[in-house]
């Protein structure tokens, strides 16, 4: 398999389509572990389609599937490092799941 970092936009989009189908099959087969692994692959593939310049350190972002906000401190590759709202622990998230938060 070609690493996501070497895939073209079209290849990444096709990979995501195939992974979404696999995730659906895993969900129907009641395989939550497999479903979670596939979801992570989708998130990483989406991260390679995301322009890292849209993720600004010091800004807060909504996160797919989460109610808390995530404040980005810095980027390393396709990973955003920062802290969840009201937490002190440094965490990393793929940039493909970050959504600009509305102004507070």
N, C-alpha and C. Protein backbone atom coordinates (compact mmCIF):
# COMPACT_ATOMS: atom_id res chain seq x y z
N UNK A 1 0.84 -1.18 0.00
CA UNK A 1 0.00 0.00 0.00
C UNK A 1 0.88 1.25 0.00
N UNK A 2 0.47 2.23 -0.74
CA UNK A 2 1.17 3.50 -0.82
C UNK A 2 0.88 4.30 0.46
N UNK A 3 1.91 4.90 1.07
CA UNK A 3 1.65 5.76 2.24
C UNK A 3 0.74 6.93 1.85
N UNK A 4 -0.11 7.35 2.77
CA UNK A 4 -1.01 8.48 2.50
C UNK A 4 -0.23 9.71 2.06
N UNK A 5 0.94 9.92 2.61
CA UNK A 5 1.73 11.10 2.28
C UNK A 5 2.18 11.12 0.81
N UNK A 6 2.17 9.97 0.15
CA UNK A 6 2.59 9.87 -1.25
C UNK A 6 1.42 9.82 -2.23
N UNK A 7 0.19 9.75 -1.71
CA UNK A 7 -1.00 9.64 -2.56
C UNK A 7 -1.42 11.00 -3.09
N UNK A 8 -2.00 10.98 -4.28
CA UNK A 8 -2.59 12.19 -4.86
C UNK A 8 -3.93 12.44 -4.18
N UNK A 9 -4.47 13.62 -4.41
CA UNK A 9 -5.78 13.96 -3.85
C UNK A 9 -6.83 12.93 -4.28
N UNK A 10 -6.82 12.55 -5.55
CA UNK A 10 -7.79 11.59 -6.07
C UNK A 10 -7.62 10.22 -5.40
N UNK A 11 -6.38 9.80 -5.22
CA UNK A 11 -6.12 8.51 -4.56
C UNK A 11 -6.60 8.54 -3.11
N UNK A 12 -6.37 9.66 -2.42
CA UNK A 12 -6.83 9.77 -1.04
C UNK A 12 -8.36 9.75 -0.96
N UNK A 13 -9.01 10.44 -1.87
CA UNK A 13 -10.47 10.46 -1.88
C UNK A 13 -11.03 9.06 -2.14
N UNK A 14 -10.42 8.31 -3.04
CA UNK A 14 -10.84 6.94 -3.32
C UNK A 14 -10.59 6.05 -2.11
N UNK A 15 -9.44 6.22 -1.47
CA UNK A 15 -9.13 5.45 -0.26
C UNK A 15 -10.17 5.70 0.82
N UNK A 16 -10.55 6.95 1.01
CA UNK A 16 -11.56 7.30 2.02
C UNK A 16 -12.88 6.64 1.67
N UNK A 17 -13.28 6.68 0.39
CA UNK A 17 -14.54 6.03 -0.02
C UNK A 17 -14.52 4.54 0.33
N UNK A 18 -13.40 3.88 0.02
CA UNK A 18 -13.29 2.44 0.31
C UNK A 18 -13.31 2.17 1.81
N UNK A 19 -12.63 3.02 2.58
CA UNK A 19 -12.60 2.84 4.03
C UNK A 19 -13.97 3.06 4.65
N UNK A 20 -14.72 4.01 4.13
CA UNK A 20 -16.08 4.25 4.64
C UNK A 20 -16.95 3.01 4.42
N UNK A 21 -16.80 2.37 3.26
CA UNK A 21 -17.53 1.13 3.00
C UNK A 21 -17.11 0.03 3.97
N UNK A 22 -15.79 -0.10 4.20
CA UNK A 22 -15.30 -1.10 5.15
C UNK A 22 -15.82 -0.83 6.55
N UNK A 23 -15.85 0.44 6.93
CA UNK A 23 -16.35 0.81 8.26
C UNK A 23 -17.81 0.41 8.41
N UNK A 24 -18.59 0.64 7.36
CA UNK A 24 -20.00 0.27 7.38
C UNK A 24 -20.17 -1.24 7.53
N UNK A 25 -19.36 -2.01 6.80
CA UNK A 25 -19.42 -3.47 6.93
C UNK A 25 -19.03 -3.92 8.33
N UNK A 26 -18.01 -3.31 8.89
CA UNK A 26 -17.57 -3.66 10.25
C UNK A 26 -18.66 -3.34 11.26
N UNK A 27 -19.35 -2.22 11.07
CA UNK A 27 -20.44 -1.83 11.98
C UNK A 27 -21.57 -2.85 11.91
N UNK A 28 -21.93 -3.27 10.70
CA UNK A 28 -23.01 -4.25 10.53
C UNK A 28 -22.62 -5.61 11.09
N UNK A 29 -21.31 -5.91 11.09
CA UNK A 29 -20.82 -7.20 11.59
C UNK A 29 -20.58 -7.17 13.09
N UNK A 30 -20.93 -6.06 13.73
CA UNK A 30 -20.74 -5.90 15.18
C UNK A 30 -19.28 -6.15 15.56
N UNK A 31 -18.38 -5.47 14.83
CA UNK A 31 -16.95 -5.58 15.12
C UNK A 31 -16.44 -4.19 15.52
N UNK A 32 -16.71 -3.75 16.77
CA UNK A 32 -16.36 -2.39 17.16
C UNK A 32 -14.86 -2.09 17.11
N UNK A 33 -14.03 -3.07 17.40
CA UNK A 33 -12.58 -2.84 17.34
C UNK A 33 -12.13 -2.55 15.93
N UNK A 34 -12.61 -3.34 14.99
CA UNK A 34 -12.27 -3.14 13.58
C UNK A 34 -12.82 -1.80 13.08
N UNK A 35 -14.02 -1.48 13.50
CA UNK A 35 -14.64 -0.22 13.10
C UNK A 35 -13.80 0.97 13.58
N UNK A 36 -13.29 0.91 14.81
CA UNK A 36 -12.48 1.99 15.36
C UNK A 36 -11.16 2.14 14.59
N UNK A 37 -10.54 1.03 14.22
CA UNK A 37 -9.29 1.08 13.45
C UNK A 37 -9.53 1.72 12.09
N UNK A 38 -10.60 1.34 11.45
CA UNK A 38 -10.93 1.91 10.13
C UNK A 38 -11.23 3.40 10.26
N UNK A 39 -11.94 3.80 11.32
CA UNK A 39 -12.26 5.22 11.54
C UNK A 39 -10.96 6.02 11.67
N UNK A 40 -9.97 5.47 12.37
CA UNK A 40 -8.69 6.16 12.52
C UNK A 40 -8.00 6.31 11.16
N UNK A 41 -8.06 5.27 10.33
CA UNK A 41 -7.48 5.37 8.99
C UNK A 41 -8.16 6.47 8.18
N UNK A 42 -9.48 6.55 8.29
CA UNK A 42 -10.22 7.60 7.58
C UNK A 42 -9.76 8.97 8.07
N UNK A 43 -9.63 9.12 9.38
CA UNK A 43 -9.21 10.40 9.95
C UNK A 43 -7.82 10.80 9.46
N UNK A 44 -6.91 9.85 9.38
CA UNK A 44 -5.56 10.16 8.90
C UNK A 44 -5.58 10.49 7.41
N UNK A 45 -6.33 9.74 6.62
CA UNK A 45 -6.42 10.04 5.19
C UNK A 45 -7.00 11.44 4.98
N UNK A 46 -8.04 11.80 5.74
CA UNK A 46 -8.63 13.14 5.64
C UNK A 46 -7.61 14.22 6.01
N UNK A 47 -6.71 13.87 6.93
CA UNK A 47 -5.70 14.84 7.36
C UNK A 47 -4.75 15.21 6.23
N UNK A 48 -4.48 14.27 5.34
CA UNK A 48 -3.61 14.56 4.20
C UNK A 48 -4.34 15.39 3.14
N UNK A 49 -5.64 15.51 3.25
CA UNK A 49 -6.42 16.38 2.35
C UNK A 49 -6.62 17.76 2.96
N UNK A 50 -6.26 17.92 4.24
CA UNK A 50 -6.46 19.17 4.95
C UNK A 50 -5.21 20.05 4.83
N UNK A 51 -5.41 21.29 4.49
CA UNK A 51 -4.31 22.24 4.40
C UNK A 51 -3.87 22.60 5.82
N UNK A 52 -2.64 22.26 6.21
CA UNK A 52 -2.20 22.56 7.57
C UNK A 52 -2.18 24.05 7.88
N UNK A 53 -2.14 24.90 6.86
CA UNK A 53 -2.16 26.34 7.09
C UNK A 53 -3.49 26.83 7.63
N UNK A 54 -4.53 25.99 7.55
CA UNK A 54 -5.84 26.36 8.09
C UNK A 54 -5.94 26.06 9.58
N UNK A 55 -4.93 25.40 10.14
CA UNK A 55 -4.91 25.06 11.56
C UNK A 55 -3.90 25.97 12.24
N UNK A 56 -4.39 26.98 12.90
CA UNK A 56 -3.52 27.99 13.51
C UNK A 56 -3.31 27.71 14.99
N UNK A 57 -2.03 27.63 15.42
CA UNK A 57 -1.77 27.50 16.85
C UNK A 57 -2.40 28.66 17.63
N UNK A 58 -2.90 28.35 18.81
CA UNK A 58 -3.57 29.34 19.65
C UNK A 58 -5.07 29.43 19.41
N UNK A 59 -5.55 28.77 18.36
CA UNK A 59 -6.99 28.79 18.05
C UNK A 59 -7.66 27.54 18.63
N UNK A 60 -8.95 27.68 18.90
CA UNK A 60 -9.75 26.55 19.37
C UNK A 60 -10.53 25.95 18.20
N UNK A 61 -10.68 24.63 18.26
CA UNK A 61 -11.38 23.91 17.20
C UNK A 61 -12.39 22.96 17.81
N UNK A 62 -13.50 22.81 17.10
CA UNK A 62 -14.43 21.73 17.42
C UNK A 62 -13.80 20.46 16.85
N UNK A 63 -14.20 19.32 17.37
CA UNK A 63 -13.64 18.04 16.93
C UNK A 63 -14.80 17.12 16.60
N UNK A 64 -14.71 16.45 15.43
CA UNK A 64 -15.76 15.51 15.02
C UNK A 64 -16.05 14.54 16.16
N UNK A 65 -17.32 14.42 16.52
CA UNK A 65 -17.73 13.44 17.52
C UNK A 65 -17.48 13.85 18.95
N UNK A 66 -17.05 15.08 19.20
CA UNK A 66 -16.76 15.55 20.56
C UNK A 66 -17.55 16.81 20.86
N UNK A 67 -17.89 16.98 22.13
CA UNK A 67 -18.59 18.20 22.52
C UNK A 67 -17.61 19.26 23.04
N UNK A 68 -16.42 18.85 23.46
CA UNK A 68 -15.43 19.78 23.98
C UNK A 68 -14.62 20.40 22.84
N UNK A 69 -14.06 21.56 23.11
CA UNK A 69 -13.18 22.21 22.14
C UNK A 69 -11.75 21.78 22.39
N UNK A 70 -10.90 21.91 21.38
CA UNK A 70 -9.50 21.54 21.43
C UNK A 70 -8.69 22.75 21.01
N UNK A 71 -7.76 23.21 21.87
CA UNK A 71 -6.92 24.36 21.54
C UNK A 71 -5.56 23.86 21.05
N UNK A 72 -5.23 24.22 19.82
CA UNK A 72 -3.99 23.77 19.19
C UNK A 72 -2.82 24.61 19.69
N UNK A 73 -1.75 23.92 20.10
CA UNK A 73 -0.52 24.60 20.50
C UNK A 73 0.50 24.59 19.36
N UNK A 74 0.62 23.46 18.67
CA UNK A 74 1.55 23.38 17.54
C UNK A 74 1.18 22.21 16.66
N UNK A 75 1.74 22.21 15.44
CA UNK A 75 1.52 21.14 14.48
C UNK A 75 2.82 20.38 14.27
N UNK A 76 2.69 19.10 14.07
CA UNK A 76 3.83 18.27 13.65
C UNK A 76 3.27 17.32 12.61
N UNK A 77 3.62 17.57 11.34
CA UNK A 77 3.06 16.77 10.25
C UNK A 77 1.56 16.99 10.16
N UNK A 78 0.81 15.89 10.16
CA UNK A 78 -0.65 16.00 10.08
C UNK A 78 -1.30 15.88 11.46
N UNK A 79 -0.49 16.06 12.50
CA UNK A 79 -1.01 15.98 13.86
C UNK A 79 -1.00 17.36 14.50
N UNK A 80 -2.11 17.69 15.17
CA UNK A 80 -2.21 18.93 15.94
C UNK A 80 -2.03 18.56 17.41
N UNK A 81 -1.10 19.20 18.06
CA UNK A 81 -0.86 18.98 19.48
C UNK A 81 -1.47 20.13 20.25
N UNK A 82 -2.19 19.79 21.31
CA UNK A 82 -2.83 20.83 22.10
C UNK A 82 -3.54 20.23 23.30
N UNK A 83 -4.48 21.00 23.82
CA UNK A 83 -5.19 20.60 25.03
C UNK A 83 -6.69 20.70 24.86
N UNK A 84 -7.37 19.72 25.42
CA UNK A 84 -8.83 19.76 25.45
C UNK A 84 -9.27 20.86 26.40
N UNK A 85 -10.42 21.41 26.14
CA UNK A 85 -11.01 22.44 26.99
C UNK A 85 -11.02 21.94 28.43
N UNK A 86 -10.53 22.76 29.34
CA UNK A 86 -10.51 22.48 30.78
C UNK A 86 -9.61 21.31 31.17
N UNK A 87 -8.61 20.98 30.36
CA UNK A 87 -7.65 19.93 30.70
C UNK A 87 -6.23 20.47 30.54
N UNK A 88 -5.30 19.88 31.26
CA UNK A 88 -3.91 20.30 31.19
C UNK A 88 -3.03 19.32 30.43
N UNK A 89 -3.55 18.13 30.12
CA UNK A 89 -2.76 17.09 29.46
C UNK A 89 -2.61 17.42 27.97
N UNK A 90 -1.37 17.36 27.47
CA UNK A 90 -1.11 17.59 26.06
C UNK A 90 -1.55 16.36 25.26
N UNK A 91 -2.34 16.57 24.21
CA UNK A 91 -2.86 15.49 23.38
C UNK A 91 -2.58 15.79 21.91
N UNK A 92 -2.66 14.75 21.08
CA UNK A 92 -2.47 14.93 19.64
C UNK A 92 -3.70 14.40 18.91
N UNK A 93 -4.12 15.14 17.90
CA UNK A 93 -5.26 14.75 17.06
C UNK A 93 -4.89 14.93 15.59
N UNK A 94 -5.40 14.06 14.72
CA UNK A 94 -5.20 14.28 13.28
C UNK A 94 -5.93 15.56 12.84
N UNK A 95 -5.28 16.37 12.03
CA UNK A 95 -5.87 17.66 11.64
C UNK A 95 -7.14 17.50 10.82
N UNK A 96 -7.36 16.33 10.23
CA UNK A 96 -8.54 16.13 9.39
C UNK A 96 -9.85 16.11 10.16
N UNK A 97 -9.79 16.02 11.50
CA UNK A 97 -11.03 15.98 12.27
C UNK A 97 -11.29 17.30 13.00
N UNK A 98 -10.43 18.30 12.76
CA UNK A 98 -10.61 19.61 13.40
C UNK A 98 -11.51 20.49 12.56
N UNK A 99 -12.42 21.18 13.23
CA UNK A 99 -13.39 22.05 12.59
C UNK A 99 -13.26 23.43 13.25
N UNK A 100 -13.06 24.50 12.49
CA UNK A 100 -12.96 25.82 13.13
C UNK A 100 -14.15 26.07 14.06
N UNK A 101 -13.85 26.46 15.29
CA UNK A 101 -14.90 26.74 16.27
C UNK A 101 -15.48 28.12 16.01
N UNK A 102 -16.77 28.27 16.24
CA UNK A 102 -17.35 29.60 16.09
C UNK A 102 -16.76 30.54 17.14
N UNK A 103 -16.67 31.82 16.84
CA UNK A 103 -16.14 32.77 17.83
C UNK A 103 -16.97 32.73 19.11
N UNK A 104 -16.27 32.84 20.24
CA UNK A 104 -17.01 32.79 21.53
C UNK A 104 -17.33 34.16 22.05
